[in-house]
Amino acid sequence: MSTSISTVAWIGTGNNGKPLLDIVAASGKFKITLLVRKPPVKYTNIVPDSVTVKQVDFQSHASLVAAFRGIDAVVSVMTFGPQSGIDVVEI
């Protein structure tokens, strides 16, 4: 059985995530939705125009389910620093 990945949810725009996002977006092979914590307008001049930016509550199961609906693959380049709290939240 052959599968095809066309829609990708991307998490992370830091030191590693942003350069990788730029490379993948430039390939034109995927429809990328960047999932962010902050309002999308903060990413207007940061990410390529071809990338859709969607605000998500990463600590909400319902928010994540809605964000991943219609997505074929997830790329997470998100770091979990000590005391961030996000790595201990059960969703």
PDB file of N, CA and C in Angstrom:
ATOM      1  N   MET A   1       0.833  -1.171   0.000  1.00  0.00           N
ATOM      2  CA  MET A   1       0.000   0.000   0.000  1.00  0.00           C
ATOM      3  C   MET A   1       0.887   1.247   0.000  1.00  0.00           C
ATOM      4  N   SER A   2       0.599   2.142  -0.888  1.00  0.00           N
ATOM      5  CA  SER A   2       1.364   3.377  -0.986  1.00  0.00           C
ATOM      6  C   SER A   2       0.613   4.507  -0.290  1.00  0.00           C
ATOM      7  N   THR A   3       1.340   5.293   0.463  1.00  0.00           N
ATOM      8  CA  THR A   3       0.729   6.451   1.107  1.00  0.00           C
ATOM      9  C   THR A   3       1.444   7.705   0.634  1.00  0.00           C
ATOM     10  N   SER A   4       0.734   8.792   0.692  1.00  0.00           N
ATOM     11  CA  SER A   4       1.300  10.054   0.248  1.00  0.00           C
ATOM     12  C   SER A   4       1.109  11.101   1.335  1.00  0.00           C
ATOM     13  N   ILE A   5       2.151  11.837   1.625  1.00  0.00           N
ATOM     14  CA  ILE A   5       2.079  12.913   2.603  1.00  0.00           C
ATOM     15  C   ILE A   5       2.016  14.229   1.832  1.00  0.00           C
ATOM     16  N   SER A   6       0.944  14.971   2.058  1.00  0.00           N
ATOM     17  CA  SER A   6       0.836  16.268   1.387  1.00  0.00           C
ATOM     18  C   SER A   6       0.629  17.416   2.373  1.00  0.00           C
ATOM     19  N   THR A   7      -0.028  17.131   3.501  1.00  0.00           N
ATOM     20  CA  THR A   7      -0.252  18.182   4.493  1.00  0.00           C
ATOM     21  C   THR A   7       0.569  17.889   5.746  1.00  0.00           C
ATOM     22  N   VAL A   8       1.279  18.904   6.208  1.00  0.00           N
ATOM     23  CA  VAL A   8       2.188  18.728   7.340  1.00  0.00           C
ATOM     24  C   VAL A   8       1.909  19.790   8.399  1.00  0.00           C
ATOM     25  N   ALA A   9       1.792  19.352   9.649  1.00  0.00           N
ATOM     26  CA  ALA A   9       1.742  20.280  10.774  1.00  0.00           C
ATOM     27  C   ALA A   9       3.170  20.446  11.271  1.00  0.00           C
ATOM     28  N   TRP A  10       3.597  21.686  11.433  1.00  0.00           N
ATOM     29  CA  TRP A  10       4.968  21.988  11.853  1.00  0.00           C
ATOM     30  C   TRP A  10       4.930  22.658  13.210  1.00  0.00           C
ATOM     31  N   ILE A  11       5.765  22.188  14.121  1.00  0.00           N
ATOM     32  CA  ILE A  11       5.840  22.776  15.458  1.00  0.00           C
ATOM     33  C   ILE A  11       7.297  23.139  15.724  1.00  0.00           C
ATOM     34  N   GLY A  12       7.545  24.426  15.935  1.00  0.00           N
ATOM     35  CA  GLY A  12       8.891  24.873  16.271  1.00  0.00           C
ATOM     36  C   GLY A  12       9.479  25.834  15.252  1.00  0.00           C
ATOM     37  N   THR A  13       9.872  27.020  15.739  1.00  0.00           N
ATOM     38  CA  THR A  13      10.490  28.024  14.871  1.00  0.00           C
ATOM     39  C   THR A  13      11.751  28.601  15.517  1.00  0.00           C
ATOM     40  N   GLY A  14      12.371  27.822  16.363  1.00  0.00           N
ATOM     41  CA  GLY A  14      13.584  28.291  17.040  1.00  0.00           C
ATOM     42  C   GLY A  14      14.822  28.123  16.181  1.00  0.00           C
ATOM     43  N   ASN A  15      15.960  27.952  16.844  1.00  0.00           N
ATOM     44  CA  ASN A  15      17.255  27.849  16.150  1.00  0.00           C
ATOM     45  C   ASN A  15      17.313  26.707  15.146  1.00  0.00           C
ATOM     46  N   ASN A  16      16.634  25.627  15.431  1.00  0.00           N
ATOM     47  CA  ASN A  16      16.619  24.488  14.502  1.00  0.00           C
ATOM     48  C   ASN A  16      15.366  24.479  13.632  1.00  0.00           C
ATOM     49  N   GLY A  17      14.235  24.786  14.222  1.00  0.00           N
ATOM     50  CA  GLY A  17      12.963  24.688  13.516  1.00  0.00           C
ATOM     51  C   GLY A  17      12.805  25.644  12.357  1.00  0.00           C
ATOM     52  N   LYS A  18      13.207  26.893  12.533  1.00  0.00           N
ATOM     53  CA  LYS A  18      13.026  27.897  11.483  1.00  0.00           C
ATOM     54  C   LYS A  18      13.836  27.597  10.223  1.00  0.00           C
ATOM     55  N   PRO A  19      15.124  27.289  10.337  1.00  0.00           N
ATOM     56  CA  PRO A  19      15.869  26.969   9.105  1.00  0.00           C
ATOM     57  C   PRO A  19      15.317  25.732   8.385  1.00  0.00           C
ATOM     58  N   LEU A  20      14.913  24.735   9.151  1.00  0.00           N
ATOM     59  CA  LEU A  20      14.339  23.536   8.531  1.00  0.00           C
ATOM     60  C   LEU A  20      12.999  23.845   7.873  1.00  0.00           C
ATOM     61  N   LEU A  21      12.185  24.645   8.534  1.00  0.00           N
ATOM     62  CA  LEU A  21      10.905  25.047   7.963  1.00  0.00           C
ATOM     63  C   LEU A  21      11.118  25.765   6.631  1.00  0.00           C
ATOM     64  N   ASP A  22      12.075  26.660   6.588  1.00  0.00           N
ATOM     65  CA  ASP A  22      12.361  27.392   5.349  1.00  0.00           C
ATOM     66  C   ASP A  22      12.734  26.451   4.210  1.00  0.00           C
ATOM     67  N   ILE A  23      13.552  25.452   4.516  1.00  0.00           N
ATOM     68  CA  ILE A  23      13.988  24.497   3.489  1.00  0.00           C
ATOM     69  C   ILE A  23      12.820  23.666   2.975  1.00  0.00           C
ATOM     70  N   VAL A  24      12.023  23.140   3.903  1.00  0.00           N
ATOM     71  CA  VAL A  24      10.887  22.296   3.506  1.00  0.00           C
ATOM     72  C   VAL A  24       9.847  23.127   2.753  1.00  0.00           C
ATOM     73  N   ALA A  25       9.565  24.329   3.219  1.00  0.00           N
ATOM     74  CA  ALA A  25       8.592  25.193   2.532  1.00  0.00           C
ATOM     75  C   ALA A  25       9.076  25.533   1.122  1.00  0.00           C
ATOM     76  N   ALA A  26      10.367  25.786   0.974  1.00  0.00           N
ATOM     77  CA  ALA A  26      10.928  26.134  -0.339  1.00  0.00           C
ATOM     78  C   ALA A  26      10.821  24.982  -1.340  1.00  0.00           C
ATOM     79  N   SER A  27      10.743  23.763  -0.836  1.00  0.00           N
ATOM     80  CA  SER A  27      10.626  22.608  -1.736  1.00  0.00           C
ATOM     81  C   SER A  27       9.293  22.615  -2.473  1.00  0.00           C
ATOM     82  N   GLY A  28       8.277  23.227  -1.870  1.00  0.00           N
ATOM     83  CA  GLY A  28       6.961  23.279  -2.503  1.00  0.00           C
ATOM     84  C   GLY A  28       6.229  21.956  -2.534  1.00  0.00           C
ATOM     85  N   LYS A  29       6.736  20.956  -1.839  1.00  0.00           N
ATOM     86  CA  LYS A  29       6.150  19.620  -1.894  1.00  0.00           C
ATOM     87  C   LYS A  29       5.016  19.403  -0.898  1.00  0.00           C
ATOM     88  N   PHE A  30       4.890  20.300   0.077  1.00  0.00           N
ATOM     89  CA  PHE A  30       3.917  20.088   1.145  1.00  0.00           C
ATOM     90  C   PHE A  30       3.118  21.347   1.439  1.00  0.00           C
ATOM     91  N   LYS A  31       1.879  21.154   1.877  1.00  0.00           N
ATOM     92  CA  LYS A  31       1.079  22.241   2.418  1.00  0.00           C
ATOM     93  C   LYS A  31       1.379  22.232   3.917  1.00  0.00           C
ATOM     94  N   ILE A  32       2.028  23.284   4.405  1.00  0.00           N
ATOM     95  CA  ILE A  32       2.499  23.312   5.783  1.00  0.00           C
ATOM     96  C   ILE A  32       1.640  24.245   6.623  1.00  0.00           C
ATOM     97  N   THR A  33       1.219  23.731   7.785  1.00  0.00           N
ATOM     98  CA  THR A  33       0.533  24.542   8.781  1.00  0.00           C
ATOM     99  C   THR A  33       1.440  24.615  10.002  1.00  0.00           C
ATOM    100  N   LEU A  34       1.874  25.809  10.332  1.00  0.00           N
ATOM    101  CA  LEU A  34       2.716  26.029  11.502  1.00  0.00           C
ATOM    102  C   LEU A  34       1.813  26.221  12.706  1.00  0.00           C
ATOM    103  N   LEU A  35       1.977  25.373  13.709  1.00  0.00           N
ATOM    104  CA  LEU A  35       1.191  25.465  14.936  1.00  0.00           C
ATOM    105  C   LEU A  35       1.989  26.259  15.955  1.00  0.00           C
ATOM    106  N   VAL A  36       1.377  27.329  16.482  1.00  0.00           N
ATOM    107  CA  VAL A  36       2.073  28.250  17.374  1.00  0.00           C
ATOM    108  C   VAL A  36       1.238  28.549  18.610  1.00  0.00           C
ATOM    109  N   ARG A  37       1.917  29.009  19.661  1.00  0.00           N
ATOM    110  CA  ARG A  37       1.240  29.412  20.894  1.00  0.00           C
ATOM    111  C   ARG A  37       0.786  30.862  20.840  1.00  0.00           C
ATOM    112  N   LYS A  38       1.573  31.702  20.193  1.00  0.00           N
ATOM    113  CA  LYS A  38       1.305  33.139  20.139  1.00  0.00           C
ATOM    114  C   LYS A  38       0.349  33.456  18.985  1.00  0.00           C
ATOM    115  N   PRO A  39      -0.240  34.651  18.991  1.00  0.00           N
ATOM    116  CA  PRO A  39      -1.117  35.030  17.876  1.00  0.00           C
ATOM    117  C   PRO A  39      -0.381  34.941  16.533  1.00  0.00           C
ATOM    118  N   PRO A  40      -1.047  34.419  15.505  1.00  0.00           N
ATOM    119  CA  PRO A  40      -0.412  34.235  14.189  1.00  0.00           C
ATOM    120  C   PRO A  40       0.219  35.486  13.602  1.00  0.00           C
ATOM    121  N   VAL A  41      -0.327  36.656  13.908  1.00  0.00           N
ATOM    122  CA  VAL A  41       0.213  37.892  13.343  1.00  0.00           C
ATOM    123  C   VAL A  41       1.680  38.094  13.723  1.00  0.00           C
ATOM    124  N   LYS A  42       2.129  37.509  14.815  1.00  0.00           N
ATOM    125  CA  LYS A  42       3.527  37.646  15.250  1.00  0.00           C
ATOM    126  C   LYS A  42       4.488  36.899  14.322  1.00  0.00           C
ATOM    127  N   TYR A  43       3.966  36.060  13.435  1.00  0.00           N
ATOM    128  CA  TYR A  43       4.802  35.246  12.550  1.00  0.00           C
ATOM    129  C   TYR A  43       4.761  35.729  11.098  1.00  0.00           C
ATOM    130  N   THR A  44       4.047  36.810  10.844  1.00  0.00           N
ATOM    131  CA  THR A  44       3.859  37.317   9.481  1.00  0.00           C
ATOM    132  C   THR A  44       5.173  37.525   8.745  1.00  0.00           C
ATOM    133  N   ASN A  45       6.150  38.136   9.380  1.00  0.00           N
ATOM    134  CA  ASN A  45       7.427  38.428   8.723  1.00  0.00           C
ATOM    135  C   ASN A  45       8.501  37.381   9.023  1.00  0.00           C
ATOM    136  N   ILE A  46       8.103  36.292   9.650  1.00  0.00           N
ATOM    137  CA  ILE A  46       9.068  35.273  10.060  1.00  0.00           C
ATOM    138  C   ILE A  46       9.027  34.042   9.161  1.00  0.00           C
ATOM    139  N   VAL A  47       7.829  33.625   8.775  1.00  0.00           N
ATOM    140  CA  VAL A  47       7.696  32.384   8.005  1.00  0.00           C
ATOM    141  C   VAL A  47       7.364  32.690   6.547  1.00  0.00           C
ATOM    142  N   PRO A  48       7.677  31.760   5.664  1.00  0.00           N
ATOM    143  CA  PRO A  48       7.362  31.950   4.244  1.00  0.00           C
ATOM    144  C   PRO A  48       5.852  32.144   4.032  1.00  0.00           C
ATOM    145  N   ASP A  49       5.495  32.896   3.012  1.00  0.00           N
ATOM    146  CA  ASP A  49       4.089  33.172   2.713  1.00  0.00           C
ATOM    147  C   ASP A  49       3.280  31.904   2.445  1.00  0.00           C
ATOM    148  N   SER A  50       3.929  30.868   1.998  1.00  0.00           N
ATOM    149  CA  SER A  50       3.221  29.628   1.676  1.00  0.00           C
ATOM    150  C   SER A  50       2.795  28.844   2.918  1.00  0.00           C
ATOM    151  N   VAL A  51       3.280  29.242   4.078  1.00  0.00           N
ATOM    152  CA  VAL A  51       2.988  28.530   5.329  1.00  0.00           C
ATOM    153  C   VAL A  51       1.781  29.167   6.019  1.00  0.00           C
ATOM    154  N   THR A  52       0.810  28.327   6.363  1.00  0.00           N
ATOM    155  CA  THR A  52      -0.355  28.779   7.130  1.00  0.00           C
ATOM    156  C   THR A  52       0.018  28.737   8.608  1.00  0.00           C
ATOM    157  N   VAL A  53      -0.314  29.786   9.343  1.00  0.00           N
ATOM    158  CA  VAL A  53       0.004  29.851  10.771  1.00  0.00           C
ATOM    159  C   VAL A  53      -1.298  29.738  11.558  1.00  0.00           C
ATOM    160  N   LYS A  54      -1.307  28.807  12.517  1.00  0.00           N
ATOM    161  CA  LYS A  54      -2.507  28.549  13.307  1.00  0.00           C
ATOM    162  C   LYS A  54      -2.160  28.520  14.790  1.00  0.00           C
ATOM    163  N   GLN A  55      -2.862  29.324  15.573  1.00  0.00           N
ATOM    164  CA  GLN A  55      -2.627  29.350  17.016  1.00  0.00           C
ATOM    165  C   GLN A  55      -3.297  28.142  17.666  1.00  0.00           C
ATOM    166  N   VAL A  56      -2.543  27.485  18.563  1.00  0.00           N
ATOM    167  CA  VAL A  56      -3.014  26.272  19.223  1.00  0.00           C
ATOM    168  C   VAL A  56      -2.674  26.337  20.703  1.00  0.00           C
ATOM    169  N   ASP A  57      -3.555  25.784  21.518  1.00  0.00           N
ATOM    170  CA  ASP A  57      -3.255  25.613  22.940  1.00  0.00           C
ATOM    171  C   ASP A  57      -2.665  24.210  23.081  1.00  0.00           C
ATOM    172  N   PHE A  58      -1.364  24.131  23.263  1.00  0.00           N
ATOM    173  CA  PHE A  58      -0.681  22.840  23.311  1.00  0.00           C
ATOM    174  C   PHE A  58      -1.007  22.035  24.559  1.00  0.00           C
ATOM    175  N   GLN A  59      -1.707  22.638  25.491  1.00  0.00           N
ATOM    176  CA  GLN A  59      -2.097  21.923  26.706  1.00  0.00           C
ATOM    177  C   GLN A  59      -3.563  21.513  26.674  1.00  0.00           C
ATOM    178  N   SER A  60      -4.201  21.699  25.526  1.00  0.00           N
ATOM    179  CA  SER A  60      -5.607  21.347  25.372  1.00  0.00           C
ATOM    180  C   SER A  60      -5.764  20.223  24.356  1.00  0.00           C
ATOM    181  N   HIS A  61      -6.309  19.121  24.811  1.00  0.00           N
ATOM    182  CA  HIS A  61      -6.549  17.981  23.932  1.00  0.00           C
ATOM    183  C   HIS A  61      -7.438  18.382  22.755  1.00  0.00           C
ATOM    184  N   ALA A  62      -8.525  19.086  23.034  1.00  0.00           N
ATOM    185  CA  ALA A  62      -9.462  19.485  21.978  1.00  0.00           C
ATOM    186  C   ALA A  62      -8.794  20.398  20.946  1.00  0.00           C
ATOM    187  N   SER A  63      -7.954  21.312  21.411  1.00  0.00           N
ATOM    188  CA  SER A  63      -7.255  22.214  20.506  1.00  0.00           C
ATOM    189  C   SER A  63      -6.303  21.455  19.591  1.00  0.00           C
ATOM    190  N   LEU A  64      -5.597  20.495  20.143  1.00  0.00           N
ATOM    191  CA  LEU A  64      -4.667  19.696  19.340  1.00  0.00           C
ATOM    192  C   LEU A  64      -5.400  18.797  18.352  1.00  0.00           C
ATOM    193  N   VAL A  65      -6.484  18.191  18.785  1.00  0.00           N
ATOM    194  CA  VAL A  65      -7.270  17.344  17.877  1.00  0.00           C
ATOM    195  C   VAL A  65      -7.755  18.169  16.691  1.00  0.00           C
ATOM    196  N   ALA A  66      -8.270  19.363  16.960  1.00  0.00           N
ATOM    197  CA  ALA A  66      -8.748  20.233  15.885  1.00  0.00           C
ATOM    198  C   ALA A  66      -7.605  20.643  14.956  1.00  0.00           C
ATOM    199  N   ALA A  67      -6.446  20.943  15.533  1.00  0.00           N
ATOM    200  CA  ALA A  67      -5.292  21.380  14.734  1.00  0.00           C
ATOM    201  C   ALA A  67      -4.761  20.265  13.841  1.00  0.00           C
ATOM    202  N   PHE A  68      -4.833  19.038  14.302  1.00  0.00           N
ATOM    203  CA  PHE A  68      -4.295  17.909  13.536  1.00  0.00           C
ATOM    204  C   PHE A  68      -5.295  17.316  12.545  1.00  0.00           C
ATOM    205  N   ARG A  69      -6.526  17.768  12.575  1.00  0.00           N
ATOM    206  CA  ARG A  69      -7.536  17.250  11.646  1.00  0.00           C
ATOM    207  C   ARG A  69      -7.125  17.581  10.213  1.00  0.00           C
ATOM    208  N   GLY A  70      -7.072  16.576   9.363  1.00  0.00           N
ATOM    209  CA  GLY A  70      -6.694  16.770   7.967  1.00  0.00           C
ATOM    210  C   GLY A  70      -5.198  16.809   7.714  1.00  0.00           C
ATOM    211  N   ILE A  71      -4.412  16.569   8.743  1.00  0.00           N
ATOM    212  CA  ILE A  71      -2.944  16.591   8.628  1.00  0.00           C
ATOM    213  C   ILE A  71      -2.427  15.175   8.391  1.00  0.00           C
ATOM    214  N   ASP A  72      -1.506  15.023   7.454  1.00  0.00           N
ATOM    215  CA  ASP A  72      -0.928  13.707   7.156  1.00  0.00           C
ATOM    216  C   ASP A  72       0.270  13.376   8.031  1.00  0.00           C
ATOM    217  N   ALA A  73       1.045  14.391   8.424  1.00  0.00           N
ATOM    218  CA  ALA A  73       2.270  14.152   9.198  1.00  0.00           C
ATOM    219  C   ALA A  73       2.538  15.352  10.095  1.00  0.00           C
ATOM    220  N   VAL A  74       3.265  15.095  11.181  1.00  0.00           N
ATOM    221  CA  VAL A  74       3.638  16.151  12.121  1.00  0.00           C
ATOM    222  C   VAL A  74       5.158  16.194  12.231  1.00  0.00           C
ATOM    223  N   VAL A  75       5.705  17.398  12.116  1.00  0.00           N
ATOM    224  CA  VAL A  75       7.137  17.609  12.342  1.00  0.00           C
ATOM    225  C   VAL A  75       7.245  18.479  13.584  1.00  0.00           C
ATOM    226  N   SER A  76       7.882  17.953  14.612  1.00  0.00           N
ATOM    227  CA  SER A  76       8.057  18.709  15.846  1.00  0.00           C
ATOM    228  C   SER A  76       9.531  18.993  16.075  1.00  0.00           C
ATOM    229  N   VAL A  77       9.858  20.270  16.051  1.00  0.00           N
ATOM    230  CA  VAL A  77      11.219  20.714  16.320  1.00  0.00           C
ATOM    231  C   VAL A  77      11.115  21.662  17.520  1.00  0.00           C
ATOM    232  N   MET A  78      10.428  21.164  18.527  1.00  0.00           N
ATOM    233  CA  MET A  78      10.124  21.946  19.722  1.00  0.00           C
ATOM    234  C   MET A  78      10.943  21.408  20.882  1.00  0.00           C
ATOM    235  N   THR A  79      11.582  22.300  21.602  1.00  0.00           N
ATOM    236  CA  THR A  79      12.357  21.866  22.759  1.00  0.00           C
ATOM    237  C   THR A  79      11.530  22.022  24.023  1.00  0.00           C
ATOM    238  N   PHE A  80      11.768  21.132  24.933  1.00  0.00           N
ATOM    239  CA  PHE A  80      11.104  21.166  26.225  1.00  0.00           C
ATOM    240  C   PHE A  80      12.155  21.466  27.277  1.00  0.00           C
ATOM    241  N   GLY A  81      12.309  22.727  27.603  1.00  0.00           N
ATOM    242  CA  GLY A  81      13.300  23.124  28.587  1.00  0.00           C
ATOM    243  C   GLY A  81      12.854  22.783  29.994  1.00  0.00           C
ATOM    244  N   PRO A  82      13.812  22.659  30.885  1.00  0.00           N
ATOM    245  CA  PRO A  82      13.479  22.408  32.283  1.00  0.00           C
ATOM    246  C   PRO A  82      12.546  23.495  32.808  1.00  0.00           C
ATOM    247  N   GLN A  83      11.623  23.079  33.611  1.00  0.00           N
ATOM    248  CA  GLN A  83      10.652  23.994  34.232  1.00  0.00           C
ATOM    249  C   GLN A  83       9.684  24.627  33.248  1.00  0.00           C
ATOM    250  N   SER A  84       9.626  24.151  32.025  1.00  0.00           N
ATOM    251  CA  SER A  84       8.688  24.732  31.081  1.00  0.00           C
ATOM    252  C   SER A  84       7.254  24.316  31.401  1.00  0.00           C
ATOM    253  N   GLY A  85       7.126  23.171  32.071  1.00  0.00           N
ATOM    254  CA  GLY A  85       5.814  22.688  32.455  1.00  0.00           C
ATOM    255  C   GLY A  85       5.097  21.963  31.335  1.00  0.00           C
ATOM    256  N   ILE A  86       5.416  22.242  30.097  1.00  0.00           N
ATOM    257  CA  ILE A  86       4.695  21.625  29.003  1.00  0.00           C
ATOM    258  C   ILE A  86       5.003  20.137  28.872  1.00  0.00           C
ATOM    259  N   ASP A  87       6.159  19.723  29.361  1.00  0.00           N
ATOM    260  CA  ASP A  87       6.513  18.310  29.249  1.00  0.00           C
ATOM    261  C   ASP A  87       5.870  17.460  30.328  1.00  0.00           C
ATOM    262  N   VAL A  88       5.149  18.059  31.249  1.00  0.00           N
ATOM    263  CA  VAL A  88       4.512  17.275  32.317  1.00  0.00           C
ATOM    264  C   VAL A  88       2.996  17.361  32.280  1.00  0.00           C
ATOM    265  N   VAL A  89       2.445  18.002  31.277  1.00  0.00           N
ATOM    266  CA  VAL A  89       0.998  18.137  31.166  1.00  0.00           C
ATOM    267  C   VAL A  89       0.441  16.931  30.446  1.00  0.00           C
ATOM    268  N   GLU A  90      -0.510  16.270  31.062  1.00  0.00           N
ATOM    269  CA  GLU A  90      -1.146  15.133  30.425  1.00  0.00           C
ATOM    270  C   GLU A  90      -2.338  15.628  29.638  1.00  0.00           C
ATOM    271  N   ILE A  91      -2.333  15.354  28.351  1.00  0.00           N
ATOM    272  CA  ILE A  91      -3.445  15.785  27.519  1.00  0.00           C
ATOM    273  C   ILE A  91      -4.184  14.576  27.029  1.00  0.00           C
TER     274      ILE A  91
END
